[in-house]
Amino acid sequence: MNLARVIGNVVATAKDPGLVPLPLLIVQPLTPQQEPKGSPLIATDRIGVGPGEIVILEKSKEAGLGLAKNLVPTDLSIVGKVDAIRLEISDSPSDPTRPRKKGG
């Protein structure tokens, strides 16, 4: 799973019948620090999110598994909305939460 921010939507006058009930949104993949990573992508929206929201993406075959029809032609789906991100990773050697090497 990956993080992304919703930055727009796609309007399609014709699409596969399995995609008809699903909104198509433009999402910008993000790093854990919420910085843009790579190019924007198009994802099916299974949960109902809006512009600016940070979401969780599922890729490949798994992207279509939670849909009503398992044969929906999608390889990227929004499967969750992020309420908060809390990073606990530090590169600082003086960080007391950082694991220490044995014998040193």
PDB file of N, CA and C in Angstrom:
ATOM      1  N   MET A   1       0.835  -1.178   0.000  1.00  0.00           N
ATOM      2  CA  MET A   1       0.000   0.000   0.000  1.00  0.00           C
ATOM      3  C   MET A   1       0.880   1.242   0.000  1.00  0.00           C
ATOM      4  N   ASN A   2       0.350   2.315  -0.562  1.00  0.00           N
ATOM      5  CA  ASN A   2       1.097   3.560  -0.708  1.00  0.00           C
ATOM      6  C   ASN A   2       0.228   4.745  -0.338  1.00  0.00           C
ATOM      7  N   LEU A   3       0.885   5.851   0.004  1.00  0.00           N
ATOM      8  CA  LEU A   3       0.190   7.101   0.312  1.00  0.00           C
ATOM      9  C   LEU A   3       0.093   7.961  -0.939  1.00  0.00           C
ATOM     10  N   ALA A   4      -0.983   8.761  -1.024  1.00  0.00           N
ATOM     11  CA  ALA A   4      -1.141   9.718  -2.119  1.00  0.00           C
ATOM     12  C   ALA A   4      -2.084  10.824  -1.668  1.00  0.00           C
ATOM     13  N   ARG A   5      -2.027  11.953  -2.386  1.00  0.00           N
ATOM     14  CA  ARG A   5      -2.949  13.064  -2.148  1.00  0.00           C
ATOM     15  C   ARG A   5      -3.851  13.195  -3.372  1.00  0.00           C
ATOM     16  N   VAL A   6      -5.147  13.367  -3.140  1.00  0.00           N
ATOM     17  CA  VAL A   6      -6.102  13.568  -4.233  1.00  0.00           C
ATOM     18  C   VAL A   6      -5.918  14.979  -4.765  1.00  0.00           C
ATOM     19  N   ILE A   7      -5.652  15.084  -6.088  1.00  0.00           N
ATOM     20  CA  ILE A   7      -5.409  16.403  -6.677  1.00  0.00           C
ATOM     21  C   ILE A   7      -6.384  16.755  -7.796  1.00  0.00           C
ATOM     22  N   GLY A   8      -7.302  15.859  -8.130  1.00  0.00           N
ATOM     23  CA  GLY A   8      -8.259  16.164  -9.192  1.00  0.00           C
ATOM     24  C   GLY A   8      -9.134  14.973  -9.508  1.00  0.00           C
ATOM     25  N   ASN A   9      -9.969  15.144 -10.523  1.00  0.00           N
ATOM     26  CA  ASN A   9     -10.829  14.037 -10.940  1.00  0.00           C
ATOM     27  C   ASN A   9     -10.829  13.912 -12.463  1.00  0.00           C
ATOM     28  N   VAL A  10     -11.292  12.779 -12.930  1.00  0.00           N
ATOM     29  CA  VAL A  10     -11.361  12.490 -14.356  1.00  0.00           C
ATOM     30  C   VAL A  10     -12.823  12.295 -14.719  1.00  0.00           C
ATOM     31  N   VAL A  11     -13.272  12.939 -15.787  1.00  0.00           N
ATOM     32  CA  VAL A  11     -14.621  12.742 -16.300  1.00  0.00           C
ATOM     33  C   VAL A  11     -14.507  11.926 -17.575  1.00  0.00           C
ATOM     34  N   ALA A  12     -15.159  10.767 -17.587  1.00  0.00           N
ATOM     35  CA  ALA A  12     -15.112   9.886 -18.758  1.00  0.00           C
ATOM     36  C   ALA A  12     -16.528   9.695 -19.295  1.00  0.00           C
ATOM     37  N   THR A  13     -16.716   9.991 -20.574  1.00  0.00           N
ATOM     38  CA  THR A  13     -18.047   9.837 -21.173  1.00  0.00           C
ATOM     39  C   THR A  13     -18.367   8.381 -21.463  1.00  0.00           C
ATOM     40  N   ALA A  14     -17.352   7.551 -21.557  1.00  0.00           N
ATOM     41  CA  ALA A  14     -17.562   6.115 -21.763  1.00  0.00           C
ATOM     42  C   ALA A  14     -16.489   5.362 -20.995  1.00  0.00           C
ATOM     43  N   LYS A  15     -16.897   4.305 -20.293  1.00  0.00           N
ATOM     44  CA  LYS A  15     -15.938   3.462 -19.594  1.00  0.00           C
ATOM     45  C   LYS A  15     -16.513   2.066 -19.428  1.00  0.00           C
ATOM     46  N   ASP A  16     -15.670   1.129 -19.032  1.00  0.00           N
ATOM     47  CA  ASP A  16     -16.075  -0.252 -18.845  1.00  0.00           C
ATOM     48  C   ASP A  16     -17.251  -0.296 -17.866  1.00  0.00           C
ATOM     49  N   PRO A  17     -18.238  -1.173 -18.127  1.00  0.00           N
ATOM     50  CA  PRO A  17     -19.400  -1.245 -17.233  1.00  0.00           C
ATOM     51  C   PRO A  17     -19.037  -1.448 -15.757  1.00  0.00           C
ATOM     52  N   GLY A  18     -17.962  -2.155 -15.471  1.00  0.00           N
ATOM     53  CA  GLY A  18     -17.549  -2.356 -14.090  1.00  0.00           C
ATOM     54  C   GLY A  18     -17.056  -1.092 -13.418  1.00  0.00           C
ATOM     55  N   LEU A  19     -16.657  -0.106 -14.221  1.00  0.00           N
ATOM     56  CA  LEU A  19     -16.163   1.162 -13.681  1.00  0.00           C
ATOM     57  C   LEU A  19     -17.238   2.236 -13.575  1.00  0.00           C
ATOM     58  N   VAL A  20     -18.425   1.985 -14.142  1.00  0.00           N
ATOM     59  CA  VAL A  20     -19.466   3.006 -14.195  1.00  0.00           C
ATOM     60  C   VAL A  20     -19.797   3.600 -12.829  1.00  0.00           C
ATOM     61  N   PRO A  21     -19.956   2.809 -11.761  1.00  0.00           N
ATOM     62  CA  PRO A  21     -20.318   3.438 -10.484  1.00  0.00           C
ATOM     63  C   PRO A  21     -19.153   4.069  -9.726  1.00  0.00           C
ATOM     64  N   LEU A  22     -17.944   3.940 -10.244  1.00  0.00           N
ATOM     65  CA  LEU A  22     -16.768   4.396  -9.511  1.00  0.00           C
ATOM     66  C   LEU A  22     -16.216   5.717 -10.032  1.00  0.00           C
ATOM     67  N   PRO A  23     -16.037   6.711  -9.150  1.00  0.00           N
ATOM     68  CA  PRO A  23     -15.355   7.931  -9.562  1.00  0.00           C
ATOM     69  C   PRO A  23     -13.888   7.624  -9.872  1.00  0.00           C
ATOM     70  N   LEU A  24     -13.324   8.344 -10.816  1.00  0.00           N
ATOM     71  CA  LEU A  24     -11.904   8.236 -11.146  1.00  0.00           C
ATOM     72  C   LEU A  24     -11.228   9.510 -10.670  1.00  0.00           C
ATOM     73  N   LEU A  25     -10.220   9.369  -9.808  1.00  0.00           N
ATOM     74  CA  LEU A  25      -9.540  10.524  -9.235  1.00  0.00           C
ATOM     75  C   LEU A  25      -8.076  10.556  -9.627  1.00  0.00           C
ATOM     76  N   ILE A  26      -7.529  11.760  -9.744  1.00  0.00           N
ATOM     77  CA  ILE A  26      -6.104  11.934 -10.001  1.00  0.00           C
ATOM     78  C   ILE A  26      -5.437  12.054  -8.631  1.00  0.00           C
ATOM     79  N   VAL A  27      -4.425  11.212  -8.420  1.00  0.00           N
ATOM     80  CA  VAL A  27      -3.728  11.204  -7.138  1.00  0.00           C
ATOM     81  C   VAL A  27      -2.233  11.405  -7.357  1.00  0.00           C
ATOM     82  N   GLN A  28      -1.608  12.121  -6.423  1.00  0.00           N
ATOM     83  CA  GLN A  28      -0.161  12.339  -6.449  1.00  0.00           C
ATOM     84  C   GLN A  28       0.459  11.448  -5.383  1.00  0.00           C
ATOM     85  N   PRO A  29       1.230  10.423  -5.771  1.00  0.00           N
ATOM     86  CA  PRO A  29       1.897   9.587  -4.770  1.00  0.00           C
ATOM     87  C   PRO A  29       2.792  10.435  -3.859  1.00  0.00           C
ATOM     88  N   LEU A  30       2.915  10.006  -2.590  1.00  0.00           N
ATOM     89  CA  LEU A  30       3.670  10.750  -1.586  1.00  0.00           C
ATOM     90  C   LEU A  30       4.672   9.846  -0.877  1.00  0.00           C
ATOM     91  N   THR A  31       5.725  10.469  -0.366  1.00  0.00           N
ATOM     92  CA  THR A  31       6.652   9.789   0.535  1.00  0.00           C
ATOM     93  C   THR A  31       6.003   9.771   1.918  1.00  0.00           C
ATOM     94  N   PRO A  32       6.565   9.035   2.885  1.00  0.00           N
ATOM     95  CA  PRO A  32       6.022   9.087   4.244  1.00  0.00           C
ATOM     96  C   PRO A  32       6.061  10.497   4.851  1.00  0.00           C
ATOM     97  N   GLN A  33       6.962  11.352   4.349  1.00  0.00           N
ATOM     98  CA  GLN A  33       7.052  12.740   4.820  1.00  0.00           C
ATOM     99  C   GLN A  33       6.074  13.649   4.076  1.00  0.00           C
ATOM    100  N   GLN A  34       5.208  13.074   3.251  1.00  0.00           N
ATOM    101  CA  GLN A  34       4.175  13.760   2.474  1.00  0.00           C
ATOM    102  C   GLN A  34       4.735  14.643   1.363  1.00  0.00           C
ATOM    103  N   GLU A  35       5.908  14.300   0.840  1.00  0.00           N
ATOM    104  CA  GLU A  35       6.486  14.992  -0.309  1.00  0.00           C
ATOM    105  C   GLU A  35       6.060  14.261  -1.577  1.00  0.00           C
ATOM    106  N   PRO A  36       5.802  14.996  -2.683  1.00  0.00           N
ATOM    107  CA  PRO A  36       5.431  14.330  -3.936  1.00  0.00           C
ATOM    108  C   PRO A  36       6.507  13.330  -4.382  1.00  0.00           C
ATOM    109  N   LYS A  37       6.045  12.199  -4.909  1.00  0.00           N
ATOM    110  CA  LYS A  37       6.946  11.140  -5.366  1.00  0.00           C
ATOM    111  C   LYS A  37       6.433  10.620  -6.707  1.00  0.00           C
ATOM    112  N   GLY A  38       7.177  10.872  -7.777  1.00  0.00           N
ATOM    113  CA  GLY A  38       6.761  10.382  -9.088  1.00  0.00           C
ATOM    114  C   GLY A  38       5.672  11.230  -9.720  1.00  0.00           C
ATOM    115  N   SER A  39       5.060  10.674 -10.748  1.00  0.00           N
ATOM    116  CA  SER A  39       4.021  11.375 -11.514  1.00  0.00           C
ATOM    117  C   SER A  39       2.630  11.073 -10.964  1.00  0.00           C
ATOM    118  N   PRO A  40       1.675  11.993 -11.187  1.00  0.00           N
ATOM    119  CA  PRO A  40       0.294  11.722 -10.788  1.00  0.00           C
ATOM    120  C   PRO A  40      -0.257  10.493 -11.518  1.00  0.00           C
ATOM    121  N   LEU A  41      -1.217   9.829 -10.872  1.00  0.00           N
ATOM    122  CA  LEU A  41      -1.836   8.623 -11.406  1.00  0.00           C
ATOM    123  C   LEU A  41      -3.351   8.743 -11.317  1.00  0.00           C
ATOM    124  N   ILE A  42      -4.059   7.840 -12.000  1.00  0.00           N
ATOM    125  CA  ILE A  42      -5.518   7.801 -11.922  1.00  0.00           C
ATOM    126  C   ILE A  42      -5.912   6.562 -11.124  1.00  0.00           C
ATOM    127  N   ALA A  43      -6.795   6.755 -10.138  1.00  0.00           N
ATOM    128  CA  ALA A  43      -7.235   5.656  -9.286  1.00  0.00           C
ATOM    129  C   ALA A  43      -8.752   5.627  -9.189  1.00  0.00           C
ATOM    130  N   THR A  44      -9.307   4.433  -9.019  1.00  0.00           N
ATOM    131  CA  THR A  44     -10.731   4.321  -8.735  1.00  0.00           C
ATOM    132  C   THR A  44     -10.940   4.649  -7.263  1.00  0.00           C
ATOM    133  N   ASP A  45     -12.049   5.323  -6.969  1.00  0.00           N
ATOM    134  CA  ASP A  45     -12.346   5.734  -5.597  1.00  0.00           C
ATOM    135  C   ASP A  45     -13.433   4.824  -5.039  1.00  0.00           C
ATOM    136  N   ARG A  46     -13.064   3.938  -4.134  1.00  0.00           N
ATOM    137  CA  ARG A  46     -14.006   2.987  -3.548  1.00  0.00           C
ATOM    138  C   ARG A  46     -14.644   3.500  -2.273  1.00  0.00           C
ATOM    139  N   ILE A  47     -14.138   4.604  -1.710  1.00  0.00           N
ATOM    140  CA  ILE A  47     -14.620   5.010  -0.388  1.00  0.00           C
ATOM    141  C   ILE A  47     -15.237   6.410  -0.325  1.00  0.00           C
ATOM    142  N   GLY A  48     -15.061   7.228  -1.351  1.00  0.00           N
ATOM    143  CA  GLY A  48     -15.649   8.564  -1.363  1.00  0.00           C
ATOM    144  C   GLY A  48     -14.808   9.620  -0.684  1.00  0.00           C
ATOM    145  N   VAL A  49     -13.704   9.999  -1.313  1.00  0.00           N
ATOM    146  CA  VAL A  49     -12.824  11.031  -0.768  1.00  0.00           C
ATOM    147  C   VAL A  49     -12.856  12.262  -1.660  1.00  0.00           C
ATOM    148  N   GLY A  50     -12.245  13.338  -1.183  1.00  0.00           N
ATOM    149  CA  GLY A  50     -12.284  14.571  -1.942  1.00  0.00           C
ATOM    150  C   GLY A  50     -10.914  15.173  -2.163  1.00  0.00           C
ATOM    151  N   PRO A  51     -10.859  16.295  -2.886  1.00  0.00           N
ATOM    152  CA  PRO A  51      -9.598  16.962  -3.196  1.00  0.00           C
ATOM    153  C   PRO A  51      -8.828  17.346  -1.940  1.00  0.00           C
ATOM    154  N   GLY A  52      -7.500  17.143  -1.998  1.00  0.00           N
ATOM    155  CA  GLY A  52      -6.632  17.508  -0.892  1.00  0.00           C
ATOM    156  C   GLY A  52      -6.472  16.437   0.169  1.00  0.00           C
ATOM    157  N   GLU A  53      -7.319  15.434   0.175  1.00  0.00           N
ATOM    158  CA  GLU A  53      -7.228  14.398   1.199  1.00  0.00           C
ATOM    159  C   GLU A  53      -6.083  13.432   0.904  1.00  0.00           C
ATOM    160  N   ILE A  54      -5.471  12.938   1.966  1.00  0.00           N
ATOM    161  CA  ILE A  54      -4.422  11.933   1.833  1.00  0.00           C
ATOM    162  C   ILE A  54      -5.083  10.568   1.943  1.00  0.00           C
ATOM    163  N   VAL A  55      -4.728   9.686   1.009  1.00  0.00           N
ATOM    164  CA  VAL A  55      -5.380   8.389   0.912  1.00  0.00           C
ATOM    165  C   VAL A  55      -4.358   7.253   0.866  1.00  0.00           C
ATOM    166  N   ILE A  56      -4.864   6.041   1.050  1.00  0.00           N
ATOM    167  CA  ILE A  56      -4.060   4.830   0.919  1.00  0.00           C
ATOM    168  C   ILE A  56      -4.449   4.170  -0.395  1.00  0.00           C
ATOM    169  N   LEU A  57      -3.441   3.811  -1.188  1.00  0.00           N
ATOM    170  CA  LEU A  57      -3.666   3.189  -2.484  1.00  0.00           C
ATOM    171  C   LEU A  57      -3.298   1.707  -2.454  1.00  0.00           C
ATOM    172  N   GLU A  58      -4.039   0.924  -3.211  1.00  0.00           N
ATOM    173  CA  GLU A  58      -3.692  -0.474  -3.437  1.00  0.00           C
ATOM    174  C   GLU A  58      -3.469  -0.634  -4.930  1.00  0.00           C
ATOM    175  N   LYS A  59      -2.363  -1.331  -5.284  1.00  0.00           N
ATOM    176  CA  LYS A  59      -1.985  -1.476  -6.694  1.00  0.00           C
ATOM    177  C   LYS A  59      -2.181  -2.900  -7.201  1.00  0.00           C
ATOM    178  N   SER A  60      -2.082  -3.050  -8.500  1.00  0.00           N
ATOM    179  CA  SER A  60      -2.082  -4.342  -9.192  1.00  0.00           C
ATOM    180  C   SER A  60      -3.419  -5.060  -9.048  1.00  0.00           C
ATOM    181  N   LYS A  61      -3.388  -6.377  -9.073  1.00  0.00           N
ATOM    182  CA  LYS A  61      -4.611  -7.189  -9.020  1.00  0.00           C
ATOM    183  C   LYS A  61      -5.424  -6.902  -7.768  1.00  0.00           C
ATOM    184  N   GLU A  62      -4.728  -6.659  -6.650  1.00  0.00           N
ATOM    185  CA  GLU A  62      -5.404  -6.413  -5.385  1.00  0.00           C
ATOM    186  C   GLU A  62      -6.292  -5.167  -5.432  1.00  0.00           C
ATOM    187  N   ALA A  63      -6.028  -4.253  -6.345  1.00  0.00           N
ATOM    188  CA  ALA A  63      -6.808  -3.022  -6.446  1.00  0.00           C
ATOM    189  C   ALA A  63      -8.273  -3.299  -6.768  1.00  0.00           C
ATOM    190  N   GLY A  64      -8.545  -4.379  -7.468  1.00  0.00           N
ATOM    191  CA  GLY A  64      -9.919  -4.693  -7.848  1.00  0.00           C
ATOM    192  C   GLY A  64     -10.613  -5.688  -6.945  1.00  0.00           C
ATOM    193  N   LEU A  65      -9.906  -6.272  -5.992  1.00  0.00           N
ATOM    194  CA  LEU A  65     -10.487  -7.347  -5.190  1.00  0.00           C
ATOM    195  C   LEU A  65     -11.637  -6.920  -4.291  1.00  0.00           C
ATOM    196  N   GLY A  66     -11.629  -5.714  -3.785  1.00  0.00           N
ATOM    197  CA  GLY A  66     -12.688  -5.280  -2.879  1.00  0.00           C
ATOM    198  C   GLY A  66     -13.914  -4.736  -3.583  1.00  0.00           C
ATOM    199  N   LEU A  67     -13.898  -4.698  -4.882  1.00  0.00           N
ATOM    200  CA  LEU A  67     -15.024  -4.159  -5.637  1.00  0.00           C
ATOM    201  C   LEU A  67     -16.126  -5.199  -5.763  1.00  0.00           C
ATOM    202  N   ALA A  68     -17.354  -4.738  -6.048  1.00  0.00           N
ATOM    203  CA  ALA A  68     -18.490  -5.640  -6.152  1.00  0.00           C
ATOM    204  C   ALA A  68     -18.240  -6.749  -7.180  1.00  0.00           C
ATOM    205  N   LYS A  69     -17.662  -6.370  -8.305  1.00  0.00           N
ATOM    206  CA  LYS A  69     -17.310  -7.350  -9.323  1.00  0.00           C
ATOM    207  C   LYS A  69     -15.797  -7.517  -9.272  1.00  0.00           C
ATOM    208  N   ASN A  70     -15.317  -8.739  -9.159  1.00  0.00           N
ATOM    209  CA  ASN A  70     -13.879  -8.957  -9.073  1.00  0.00           C
ATOM    210  C   ASN A  70     -13.156  -8.753 -10.392  1.00  0.00           C
ATOM    211  N   LEU A  71     -13.879  -8.610 -11.485  1.00  0.00           N
ATOM    212  CA  LEU A  71     -13.227  -8.443 -12.784  1.00  0.00           C
ATOM    213  C   LEU A  71     -13.301  -7.007 -13.283  1.00  0.00           C
ATOM    214  N   VAL A  72     -13.236  -6.058 -12.375  1.00  0.00           N
ATOM    215  CA  VAL A  72     -13.220  -4.650 -12.746  1.00  0.00           C
ATOM    216  C   VAL A  72     -11.809  -4.306 -13.236  1.00  0.00           C
ATOM    217  N   PRO A  73     -11.701  -3.690 -14.418  1.00  0.00           N
ATOM    218  CA  PRO A  73     -10.381  -3.396 -14.981  1.00  0.00           C
ATOM    219  C   PRO A  73      -9.713  -2.179 -14.338  1.00  0.00           C
ATOM    220  N   THR A  74      -9.155  -2.385 -13.158  1.00  0.00           N
ATOM    221  CA  THR A  74      -8.432  -1.320 -12.480  1.00  0.00           C
ATOM    222  C   THR A  74      -7.151  -1.882 -11.886  1.00  0.00           C
ATOM    223  N   ASP A  75      -6.102  -1.091 -11.903  1.00  0.00           N
ATOM    224  CA  ASP A  75      -4.864  -1.523 -11.267  1.00  0.00           C
ATOM    225  C   ASP A  75      -4.416  -0.549 -10.184  1.00  0.00           C
ATOM    226  N   LEU A  76      -5.304   0.398  -9.813  1.00  0.00           N
ATOM    227  CA  LEU A  76      -5.006   1.334  -8.736  1.00  0.00           C
ATOM    228  C   LEU A  76      -6.320   1.796  -8.107  1.00  0.00           C
ATOM    229  N   SER A  77      -6.497   1.513  -6.829  1.00  0.00           N
ATOM    230  CA  SER A  77      -7.723   1.889  -6.126  1.00  0.00           C
ATOM    231  C   SER A  77      -7.404   2.577  -4.807  1.00  0.00           C
ATOM    232  N   ILE A  78      -8.259   3.529  -4.453  1.00  0.00           N
ATOM    233  CA  ILE A  78      -8.179   4.172  -3.146  1.00  0.00           C
ATOM    234  C   ILE A  78      -8.937   3.266  -2.178  1.00  0.00           C
ATOM    235  N   VAL A  79      -8.242   2.808  -1.128  1.00  0.00           N
ATOM    236  CA  VAL A  79      -8.847   1.864  -0.189  1.00  0.00           C
ATOM    237  C   VAL A  79      -8.956   2.413   1.229  1.00  0.00           C
ATOM    238  N   GLY A  80      -8.408   3.599   1.467  1.00  0.00           N
ATOM    239  CA  GLY A  80      -8.491   4.177   2.802  1.00  0.00           C
ATOM    240  C   GLY A  80      -8.201   5.659   2.799  1.00  0.00           C
ATOM    241  N   LYS A  81      -8.739   6.346   3.812  1.00  0.00           N
ATOM    242  CA  LYS A  81      -8.496   7.777   4.008  1.00  0.00           C
ATOM    243  C   LYS A  81      -7.608   7.933   5.238  1.00  0.00           C
ATOM    244  N   VAL A  82      -6.538   8.712   5.117  1.00  0.00           N
ATOM    245  CA  VAL A  82      -5.588   8.898   6.216  1.00  0.00           C
ATOM    246  C   VAL A  82      -6.041  10.067   7.082  1.00  0.00           C
ATOM    247  N   ASP A  83      -6.152   9.811   8.381  1.00  0.00           N
ATOM    248  CA  ASP A  83      -6.518  10.864   9.323  1.00  0.00           C
ATOM    249  C   ASP A  83      -5.284  11.538   9.909  1.00  0.00           C
ATOM    250  N   ALA A  84      -4.209  10.770  10.101  1.00  0.00           N
ATOM    251  CA  ALA A  84      -2.979  11.323  10.676  1.00  0.00           C
ATOM    252  C   ALA A  84      -1.806  10.441  10.288  1.00  0.00           C
ATOM    253  N   ILE A  85      -0.630  11.056  10.221  1.00  0.00           N
ATOM    254  CA  ILE A  85       0.615  10.336   9.968  1.00  0.00           C
ATOM    255  C   ILE A  85       1.580  10.704  11.080  1.00  0.00           C
ATOM    256  N   ARG A  86       2.137   9.693  11.724  1.00  0.00           N
ATOM    257  CA  ARG A  86       3.093   9.926  12.806  1.00  0.00           C
ATOM    258  C   ARG A  86       4.338   9.099  12.523  1.00  0.00           C
ATOM    259  N   LEU A  87       5.434   9.760  12.217  1.00  0.00           N
ATOM    260  CA  LEU A  87       6.695   9.080  11.944  1.00  0.00           C
ATOM    261  C   LEU A  87       7.508   8.992  13.222  1.00  0.00           C
ATOM    262  N   GLU A  88       8.083   7.829  13.457  1.00  0.00           N
ATOM    263  CA  GLU A  88       8.911   7.640  14.641  1.00  0.00           C
ATOM    264  C   GLU A  88      10.300   7.159  14.256  1.00  0.00           C
ATOM    265  N   ILE A  89      10.741   7.528  13.084  1.00  0.00           N
ATOM    266  CA  ILE A  89      12.045   7.125  12.580  1.00  0.00           C
ATOM    267  C   ILE A  89      12.994   8.309  12.712  1.00  0.00           C
ATOM    268  N   SER A  90      14.197   8.054  13.239  1.00  0.00           N
ATOM    269  CA  SER A  90      15.176   9.118  13.394  1.00  0.00           C
ATOM    270  C   SER A  90      16.545   8.610  12.993  1.00  0.00           C
ATOM    271  N   ASP A  91      17.313   9.464  12.332  1.00  0.00           N
ATOM    272  CA  ASP A  91      18.692   9.139  11.971  1.00  0.00           C
ATOM    273  C   ASP A  91      19.674   9.734  12.978  1.00  0.00           C
ATOM    274  N   SER A  92      19.155  10.395  13.984  1.00  0.00           N
ATOM    275  CA  SER A  92      20.010  11.047  14.970  1.00  0.00           C
ATOM    276  C   SER A  92      20.613  10.024  15.924  1.00  0.00           C
ATOM    277  N   PRO A  93      21.963   9.976  16.063  1.00  0.00           N
ATOM    278  CA  PRO A  93      22.579   9.017  16.972  1.00  0.00           C
ATOM    279  C   PRO A  93      22.231   9.282  18.430  1.00  0.00           C
ATOM    280  N   SER A  94      21.788  10.498  18.769  1.00  0.00           N
ATOM    281  CA  SER A  94      21.464  10.809  20.157  1.00  0.00           C
ATOM    282  C   SER A  94      19.993  10.538  20.486  1.00  0.00           C
ATOM    283  N   ASP A  95      19.239  10.050  19.516  1.00  0.00           N
ATOM    284  CA  ASP A  95      17.821   9.771  19.726  1.00  0.00           C
ATOM    285  C   ASP A  95      17.677   8.577  20.676  1.00  0.00           C
ATOM    286  N   PRO A  96      17.044   8.755  21.853  1.00  0.00           N
ATOM    287  CA  PRO A  96      16.933   7.648  22.816  1.00  0.00           C
ATOM    288  C   PRO A  96      16.045   6.508  22.340  1.00  0.00           C
ATOM    289  N   THR A  97      15.192   6.751  21.340  1.00  0.00           N
ATOM    290  CA  THR A  97      14.315   5.684  20.841  1.00  0.00           C
ATOM    291  C   THR A  97      14.985   4.844  19.761  1.00  0.00           C
ATOM    292  N   ARG A  98      16.165   5.291  19.315  1.00  0.00           N
ATOM    293  CA  ARG A  98      16.872   4.570  18.257  1.00  0.00           C
ATOM    294  C   ARG A  98      17.559   3.317  18.832  1.00  0.00           C
ATOM    295  N   PRO A  99      17.364   2.134  18.194  1.00  0.00           N
ATOM    296  CA  PRO A  99      18.023   0.934  18.694  1.00  0.00           C
ATOM    297  C   PRO A  99      19.547   1.095  18.667  1.00  0.00           C
ATOM    298  N   ARG A 100      20.210   0.589  19.699  1.00  0.00           N
ATOM    299  CA  ARG A 100      21.661   0.680  19.789  1.00  0.00           C
ATOM    300  C   ARG A 100      22.302  -0.625  19.356  1.00  0.00           C
ATOM    301  N   LYS A 101      23.501  -0.501  18.793  1.00  0.00           N
ATOM    302  CA  LYS A 101      24.250  -1.690  18.402  1.00  0.00           C
ATOM    303  C   LYS A 101      24.770  -2.378  19.652  1.00  0.00           C
ATOM    304  N   LYS A 102      24.758  -3.714  19.627  1.00  0.00           N
ATOM    305  CA  LYS A 102      25.274  -4.468  20.756  1.00  0.00           C
ATOM    306  C   LYS A 102      26.780  -4.316  20.831  1.00  0.00           C
ATOM    307  N   GLY A 103      27.301  -4.229  22.041  1.00  0.00           N
ATOM    308  CA  GLY A 103      28.737  -4.117  22.253  1.00  0.00           C
ATOM    309  C   GLY A 103      29.284  -2.718  22.016  1.00  0.00           C
ATOM    310  N   GLY A 104      28.407  -1.713  21.910  1.00  0.00           N
ATOM    311  CA  GLY A 104      28.933  -0.394  21.622  1.00  0.00           C
ATOM    312  C   GLY A 104      28.172   0.626  22.263  1.00  0.00           C
TER     313      GLY A 104
END
